[in-house]
Amino acid sequence: MQIPLDIAFHNMDHSAWAEEEIRARVADLESIYDRITFCRVRVDHRATNANDTIPPVVRIEMGIPGRKDLVVAHEPERLQQKFQHPDLRNAINEAFRIAERQLRDFKDKLKDHKQEARHESGHQNLGQVTEINPDRDFGFLLTKEGGQLYFHRNSLLTGDFDALQLREEVYYVEDVGDTGPIATKVRVKQAAATA
């Protein structure tokens, strides 16, 4: 992770065994998907009753490149429906079980998207340069669908990266990089026509 794991306990005392369990479960999440940028875990005992049977809420937030944050919060009512006497251990296990499933689902979708993009590789699209940053070696293209795709200086096959202009038309192939869709095999339209 780029940002160290953040664990906090609210409306309850710190629990050393719970923190150790959370750290182990976050390590499991990283073994499922090693590109998690940050992870925050909040354990909050929001409510109590006379029997002290309301378990705490375990909220997990994970940062994943190219996607909005993945958030899991298993509410006490669901734990009370599933377990006769739910406790902190049940709350941690259930929250991380759901987080693991969501992370696997995301990884599978990303894998499917990469395979689909590879299957369609070679299919060129026409786009326009919307941003160019020669000092940092990247730019963005506007797709015909109205989306923006990142491209790197090294993706430009024809034309001069430093001479690219805003709204200049380019051909590109859409692929999937580490953080999501990107443009590869970028060719300036005029140079591509003469090549």
C-alpha atoms as a PDB file:
ATOM      1  CA  MET A   1       0.000   0.000   0.000  1.00  0.00           C
ATOM      2  CA  GLN A   2       1.125   3.530  -0.714  1.00  0.00           C
ATOM      3  CA  ILE A   3      -0.452   4.816   2.512  1.00  0.00           C
ATOM      4  CA  PRO A   4       0.007   2.819   5.745  1.00  0.00           C
ATOM      5  CA  LEU A   5      -2.954   0.898   7.147  1.00  0.00           C
ATOM      6  CA  ASP A   6      -5.163   3.068   9.378  1.00  0.00           C
ATOM      7  CA  ILE A   7      -7.114   1.309  12.169  1.00  0.00           C
ATOM      8  CA  ALA A   8      -9.302   3.209  14.643  1.00  0.00           C
ATOM      9  CA  PHE A   9     -11.685   2.223  17.445  1.00  0.00           C
ATOM     10  CA  HIS A  10     -14.605   4.526  18.259  1.00  0.00           C
ATOM     11  CA  ASN A  11     -16.941   4.420  21.283  1.00  0.00           C
ATOM     12  CA  MET A  12     -15.015   1.443  22.640  1.00  0.00           C
ATOM     13  CA  ASP A  13     -11.625   0.563  24.088  1.00  0.00           C
ATOM     14  CA  HIS A  14      -8.721  -0.358  21.813  1.00  0.00           C
ATOM     15  CA  SER A  15      -8.412  -4.119  21.382  1.00  0.00           C
ATOM     16  CA  ALA A  16      -4.952  -5.553  20.698  1.00  0.00           C
ATOM     17  CA  TRP A  17      -6.259  -8.916  19.449  1.00  0.00           C
ATOM     18  CA  ALA A  18      -8.775  -7.160  17.160  1.00  0.00           C
ATOM     19  CA  GLU A  19      -6.043  -4.941  15.696  1.00  0.00           C
ATOM     20  CA  GLU A  20      -3.834  -7.984  15.106  1.00  0.00           C
ATOM     21  CA  GLU A  21      -6.728  -9.807  13.406  1.00  0.00           C
ATOM     22  CA  ILE A  22      -7.505  -6.764  11.240  1.00  0.00           C
ATOM     23  CA  ARG A  23      -3.858  -6.479  10.169  1.00  0.00           C
ATOM     24  CA  ALA A  24      -3.816 -10.168   9.193  1.00  0.00           C
ATOM     25  CA  ARG A  25      -7.063  -9.810   7.236  1.00  0.00           C
ATOM     26  CA  VAL A  26      -5.793  -6.707   5.405  1.00  0.00           C
ATOM     27  CA  ALA A  27      -2.685  -8.707   4.434  1.00  0.00           C
ATOM     28  CA  ASP A  28      -5.086 -11.307   2.983  1.00  0.00           C
ATOM     29  CA  LEU A  29      -6.794  -8.564   0.965  1.00  0.00           C
ATOM     30  CA  GLU A  30      -3.416  -7.464  -0.399  1.00  0.00           C
ATOM     31  CA  SER A  31      -2.648 -11.036  -1.428  1.00  0.00           C
ATOM     32  CA  ILE A  32      -5.909 -11.052  -3.425  1.00  0.00           C
ATOM     33  CA  TYR A  33      -5.180  -7.701  -5.111  1.00  0.00           C
ATOM     34  CA  ASP A  34      -1.746  -6.142  -4.611  1.00  0.00           C
ATOM     35  CA  ARG A  35      -2.598  -2.705  -6.030  1.00  0.00           C
ATOM     36  CA  ILE A  36      -4.595  -1.433  -3.043  1.00  0.00           C
ATOM     37  CA  THR A  37      -3.326   2.110  -2.388  1.00  0.00           C
ATOM     38  CA  PHE A  38      -4.782   2.586   1.095  1.00  0.00           C
ATOM     39  CA  CYS A  39      -6.966   0.820   3.627  1.00  0.00           C
ATOM     40  CA  ARG A  40      -8.854   2.331   6.571  1.00  0.00           C
ATOM     41  CA  VAL A  41     -10.668   0.170   9.109  1.00  0.00           C
ATOM     42  CA  ARG A  42     -13.030   1.740  11.632  1.00  0.00           C
ATOM     43  CA  VAL A  43     -14.519  -0.261  14.478  1.00  0.00           C
ATOM     44  CA  ASP A  44     -17.408   1.687  15.946  1.00  0.00           C
ATOM     45  CA  HIS A  45     -19.693   0.579  18.753  1.00  0.00           C
ATOM     46  CA  ARG A  46     -22.525   2.918  17.738  1.00  0.00           C
ATOM     47  CA  ALA A  47     -25.271   1.553  19.949  1.00  0.00           C
ATOM     48  CA  THR A  48     -25.790  -0.488  23.086  1.00  0.00           C
ATOM     49  CA  ASN A  49     -28.749  -2.107  24.767  1.00  0.00           C
ATOM     50  CA  ALA A  50     -29.472  -3.539  28.211  1.00  0.00           C
ATOM     51  CA  ASN A  51     -28.199  -6.998  27.219  1.00  0.00           C
ATOM     52  CA  ASP A  52     -25.102  -5.591  25.478  1.00  0.00           C
ATOM     53  CA  THR A  53     -25.939  -7.707  22.430  1.00  0.00           C
ATOM     54  CA  ILE A  54     -25.472  -5.086  19.712  1.00  0.00           C
ATOM     55  CA  PRO A  55     -22.145  -5.753  17.983  1.00  0.00           C
ATOM     56  CA  PRO A  56     -19.892  -2.972  16.712  1.00  0.00           C
ATOM     57  CA  VAL A  57     -19.815  -1.876  13.083  1.00  0.00           C
ATOM     58  CA  VAL A  58     -16.663  -2.691  11.163  1.00  0.00           C
ATOM     59  CA  ARG A  59     -16.180  -0.320   8.217  1.00  0.00           C
ATOM     60  CA  ILE A  60     -13.469  -1.021   5.645  1.00  0.00           C
ATOM     61  CA  GLU A  61     -12.444   1.518   2.991  1.00  0.00           C
ATOM     62  CA  MET A  62      -9.946   0.574   0.284  1.00  0.00           C
ATOM     63  CA  GLY A  63      -8.422   2.741  -2.410  1.00  0.00           C
ATOM     64  CA  ILE A  64      -8.054   1.005  -5.771  1.00  0.00           C
ATOM     65  CA  PRO A  65      -6.517   2.751  -8.797  1.00  0.00           C
ATOM     66  CA  GLY A  66      -8.952   3.469 -11.605  1.00  0.00           C
ATOM     67  CA  ARG A  67     -12.014   2.858  -9.451  1.00  0.00           C
ATOM     68  CA  LYS A  68     -13.957   4.647  -6.762  1.00  0.00           C
ATOM     69  CA  ASP A  69     -13.102   3.530  -3.243  1.00  0.00           C
ATOM     70  CA  LEU A  70     -14.408   0.125  -2.211  1.00  0.00           C
ATOM     71  CA  VAL A  71     -16.368   0.463   1.054  1.00  0.00           C
ATOM     72  CA  VAL A  72     -17.787  -2.292   3.251  1.00  0.00           C
ATOM     73  CA  ALA A  73     -19.809  -1.661   6.406  1.00  0.00           C
ATOM     74  CA  HIS A  74     -21.615  -4.669   7.874  1.00  0.00           C
ATOM     75  CA  GLU A  75     -24.463  -3.322   9.989  1.00  0.00           C
ATOM     76  CA  PRO A  76     -25.347  -4.836  13.417  1.00  0.00           C
ATOM     77  CA  GLU A  77     -28.838  -5.918  12.318  1.00  0.00           C
ATOM     78  CA  ARG A  78     -27.399  -8.276   9.702  1.00  0.00           C
ATOM     79  CA  LEU A  79     -25.028  -9.793  12.241  1.00  0.00           C
ATOM     80  CA  GLN A  80     -27.893 -10.254  14.694  1.00  0.00           C
ATOM     81  CA  GLN A  81     -29.864 -12.096  12.006  1.00  0.00           C
ATOM     82  CA  LYS A  82     -26.937 -14.371  11.182  1.00  0.00           C
ATOM     83  CA  PHE A  83     -25.513 -15.088  14.658  1.00  0.00           C
ATOM     84  CA  GLN A  84     -27.244 -15.861  17.937  1.00  0.00           C
ATOM     85  CA  HIS A  85     -24.766 -13.802  19.979  1.00  0.00           C
ATOM     86  CA  PRO A  86     -22.779 -11.625  17.540  1.00  0.00           C
ATOM     87  CA  ASP A  87     -19.579 -10.080  18.817  1.00  0.00           C
ATOM     88  CA  LEU A  88     -16.572  -8.130  17.564  1.00  0.00           C
ATOM     89  CA  ARG A  89     -14.961 -11.278  16.129  1.00  0.00           C
ATOM     90  CA  ASN A  90     -18.101 -11.979  14.052  1.00  0.00           C
ATOM     91  CA  ALA A  91     -18.215  -8.352  12.920  1.00  0.00           C
ATOM     92  CA  ILE A  92     -14.582  -8.428  11.743  1.00  0.00           C
ATOM     93  CA  ASN A  93     -14.998 -11.791   9.985  1.00  0.00           C
ATOM     94  CA  GLU A  94     -18.167 -10.766   8.160  1.00  0.00           C
ATOM     95  CA  ALA A  95     -16.840  -7.373   7.042  1.00  0.00           C
ATOM     96  CA  PHE A  96     -13.632  -8.890   5.678  1.00  0.00           C
ATOM     97  CA  ARG A  97     -15.506 -11.800   4.070  1.00  0.00           C
ATOM     98  CA  ILE A  98     -17.584  -9.269   2.117  1.00  0.00           C
ATOM     99  CA  ALA A  99     -14.506  -7.136   1.297  1.00  0.00           C
ATOM    100  CA  GLU A 100     -12.665 -10.207  -0.014  1.00  0.00           C
ATOM    101  CA  ARG A 101     -15.629 -11.152  -2.209  1.00  0.00           C
ATOM    102  CA  GLN A 102     -15.958  -7.612  -3.602  1.00  0.00           C
ATOM    103  CA  LEU A 103     -12.225  -7.422  -4.272  1.00  0.00           C
ATOM    104  CA  ARG A 104     -12.268 -10.788  -6.078  1.00  0.00           C
ATOM    105  CA  ASP A 105     -15.283  -9.653  -8.132  1.00  0.00           C
ATOM    106  CA  PHE A 106     -13.462  -6.443  -9.079  1.00  0.00           C
ATOM    107  CA  LYS A 107     -10.315  -8.382 -10.001  1.00  0.00           C
ATOM    108  CA  ASP A 108     -12.363 -10.802 -12.146  1.00  0.00           C
ATOM    109  CA  LYS A 109     -14.086  -7.919 -13.961  1.00  0.00           C
ATOM    110  CA  LEU A 110     -10.734  -6.252 -14.576  1.00  0.00           C
ATOM    111  CA  LYS A 111      -9.337  -9.529 -15.909  1.00  0.00           C
ATOM    112  CA  ASP A 112     -12.374  -9.953 -18.202  1.00  0.00           C
ATOM    113  CA  HIS A 113     -11.982  -6.364 -19.445  1.00  0.00           C
ATOM    114  CA  LYS A 114      -8.275  -6.933 -20.160  1.00  0.00           C
ATOM    115  CA  GLN A 115      -9.064 -10.110 -22.118  1.00  0.00           C
ATOM    116  CA  GLU A 116     -11.781  -8.290 -24.051  1.00  0.00           C
ATOM    117  CA  ALA A 117      -9.406  -5.420 -24.834  1.00  0.00           C
ATOM    118  CA  ARG A 118      -6.718  -7.860 -25.994  1.00  0.00           C
ATOM    119  CA  HIS A 119      -9.268  -9.659 -28.146  1.00  0.00           C
ATOM    120  CA  GLU A 120     -10.135  -6.364 -29.803  1.00  0.00           C
ATOM    121  CA  SER A 121      -6.511  -5.244 -30.062  1.00  0.00           C
ATOM    122  CA  GLY A 122      -5.602  -3.901 -33.426  1.00  0.00           C
ATOM    123  CA  HIS A 123      -8.962  -2.118 -33.681  1.00  0.00           C
ATOM    124  CA  GLN A 124      -8.076   1.538 -34.114  1.00  0.00           C
ATOM    125  CA  ASN A 125     -10.237   4.382 -32.900  1.00  0.00           C
ATOM    126  CA  LEU A 126     -10.126   8.057 -33.757  1.00  0.00           C
ATOM    127  CA  GLY A 127      -9.777  10.529 -30.911  1.00  0.00           C
ATOM    128  CA  GLN A 128      -8.624  14.053 -30.124  1.00  0.00           C
ATOM    129  CA  VAL A 129      -5.860  15.282 -27.883  1.00  0.00           C
ATOM    130  CA  THR A 130      -7.491  17.094 -24.930  1.00  0.00           C
ATOM    131  CA  GLU A 131      -4.475  17.539 -22.671  1.00  0.00           C
ATOM    132  CA  ILE A 132      -0.755  17.302 -23.261  1.00  0.00           C
ATOM    133  CA  ASN A 133       1.941  17.498 -20.593  1.00  0.00           C
ATOM    134  CA  PRO A 134       5.380  17.153 -22.261  1.00  0.00           C
ATOM    135  CA  ASP A 135       7.252  17.799 -18.996  1.00  0.00           C
ATOM    136  CA  ARG A 136       5.622  14.772 -17.384  1.00  0.00           C
ATOM    137  CA  ASP A 137       5.478  12.613 -20.550  1.00  0.00           C
ATOM    138  CA  PHE A 138       1.722  12.041 -20.719  1.00  0.00           C
ATOM    139  CA  GLY A 139      -1.483  13.328 -22.203  1.00  0.00           C
ATOM    140  CA  PHE A 140      -5.201  12.547 -22.515  1.00  0.00           C
ATOM    141  CA  LEU A 141      -7.380  11.741 -25.512  1.00  0.00           C
ATOM    142  CA  LEU A 142     -11.101  12.346 -25.965  1.00  0.00           C
ATOM    143  CA  THR A 143     -12.843   9.204 -27.250  1.00  0.00           C
ATOM    144  CA  LYS A 144     -15.850   9.197 -29.582  1.00  0.00           C
ATOM    145  CA  GLU A 145     -17.938   8.142 -26.552  1.00  0.00           C
ATOM    146  CA  GLY A 146     -16.848  11.287 -24.713  1.00  0.00           C
ATOM    147  CA  GLY A 147     -14.491   9.600 -22.243  1.00  0.00           C
ATOM    148  CA  GLN A 148     -10.871  10.502 -21.570  1.00  0.00           C
ATOM    149  CA  LEU A 149      -7.991   8.075 -21.999  1.00  0.00           C
ATOM    150  CA  TYR A 150      -4.500   8.503 -20.598  1.00  0.00           C
ATOM    151  CA  PHE A 151      -1.565   7.949 -22.951  1.00  0.00           C
ATOM    152  CA  HIS A 152       2.174   8.037 -22.351  1.00  0.00           C
ATOM    153  CA  ARG A 153       4.850   9.583 -24.554  1.00  0.00           C
ATOM    154  CA  ASN A 154       6.091   6.056 -25.362  1.00  0.00           C
ATOM    155  CA  SER A 155       2.642   5.156 -26.755  1.00  0.00           C
ATOM    156  CA  LEU A 156       3.051   7.603 -29.633  1.00  0.00           C
ATOM    157  CA  LEU A 157       4.159   5.612 -32.690  1.00  0.00           C
ATOM    158  CA  THR A 158       4.035   8.404 -35.309  1.00  0.00           C
ATOM    159  CA  GLY A 159       4.398  12.126 -34.854  1.00  0.00           C
ATOM    160  CA  ASP A 160       6.332  14.218 -32.348  1.00  0.00           C
ATOM    161  CA  PHE A 161       5.006  14.112 -28.772  1.00  0.00           C
ATOM    162  CA  ASP A 162       6.388  17.579 -27.998  1.00  0.00           C
ATOM    163  CA  ALA A 163       4.658  19.008 -31.085  1.00  0.00           C
ATOM    164  CA  LEU A 164       1.179  17.606 -30.333  1.00  0.00           C
ATOM    165  CA  GLN A 165      -1.553  20.241 -30.254  1.00  0.00           C
ATOM    166  CA  LEU A 166      -4.882  20.347 -28.419  1.00  0.00           C
ATOM    167  CA  ARG A 167      -7.779  19.009 -30.566  1.00  0.00           C
ATOM    168  CA  GLU A 168      -5.310  17.276 -32.904  1.00  0.00           C
ATOM    169  CA  GLU A 169      -6.808  14.028 -34.219  1.00  0.00           C
ATOM    170  CA  VAL A 170      -5.028  10.768 -33.494  1.00  0.00           C
ATOM    171  CA  TYR A 171      -5.673   7.094 -34.021  1.00  0.00           C
ATOM    172  CA  TYR A 172      -5.264   4.844 -30.988  1.00  0.00           C
ATOM    173  CA  VAL A 173      -5.940   1.380 -29.646  1.00  0.00           C
ATOM    174  CA  GLU A 174      -7.724   1.135 -26.297  1.00  0.00           C
ATOM    175  CA  ASP A 175      -6.137  -1.219 -23.802  1.00  0.00           C
ATOM    176  CA  VAL A 176      -6.216  -1.765 -20.042  1.00  0.00           C
ATOM    177  CA  GLY A 177      -3.308  -0.641 -17.915  1.00  0.00           C
ATOM    178  CA  ASP A 178      -2.684  -1.026 -14.197  1.00  0.00           C
ATOM    179  CA  THR A 179      -5.128   1.743 -13.311  1.00  0.00           C
ATOM    180  CA  GLY A 180      -7.809   1.145 -15.944  1.00  0.00           C
ATOM    181  CA  PRO A 181      -8.373   1.928 -19.652  1.00  0.00           C
ATOM    182  CA  ILE A 182      -5.519   3.641 -21.526  1.00  0.00           C
ATOM    183  CA  ALA A 183      -4.659   4.561 -25.116  1.00  0.00           C
ATOM    184  CA  THR A 184      -1.811   2.687 -26.789  1.00  0.00           C
ATOM    185  CA  LYS A 185      -0.379   2.644 -30.315  1.00  0.00           C
ATOM    186  CA  VAL A 186      -1.205   6.329 -30.744  1.00  0.00           C
ATOM    187  CA  ARG A 187      -0.636   7.725 -34.257  1.00  0.00           C
ATOM    188  CA  VAL A 188      -1.108  11.299 -35.378  1.00  0.00           C
ATOM    189  CA  LYS A 189      -3.846  11.225 -38.049  1.00  0.00           C
ATOM    190  CA  GLN A 190      -1.882  13.058 -40.769  1.00  0.00           C
ATOM    191  CA  ALA A 191       1.265  11.016 -40.148  1.00  0.00           C
ATOM    192  CA  ALA A 192      -0.792   7.820 -40.085  1.00  0.00           C
ATOM    193  CA  ALA A 193      -2.363   8.654 -43.440  1.00  0.00           C
ATOM    194  CA  THR A 194       1.022   9.089 -45.108  1.00  0.00           C
ATOM    195  CA  ALA A 195       2.687   6.137 -43.342  1.00  0.00           C
END
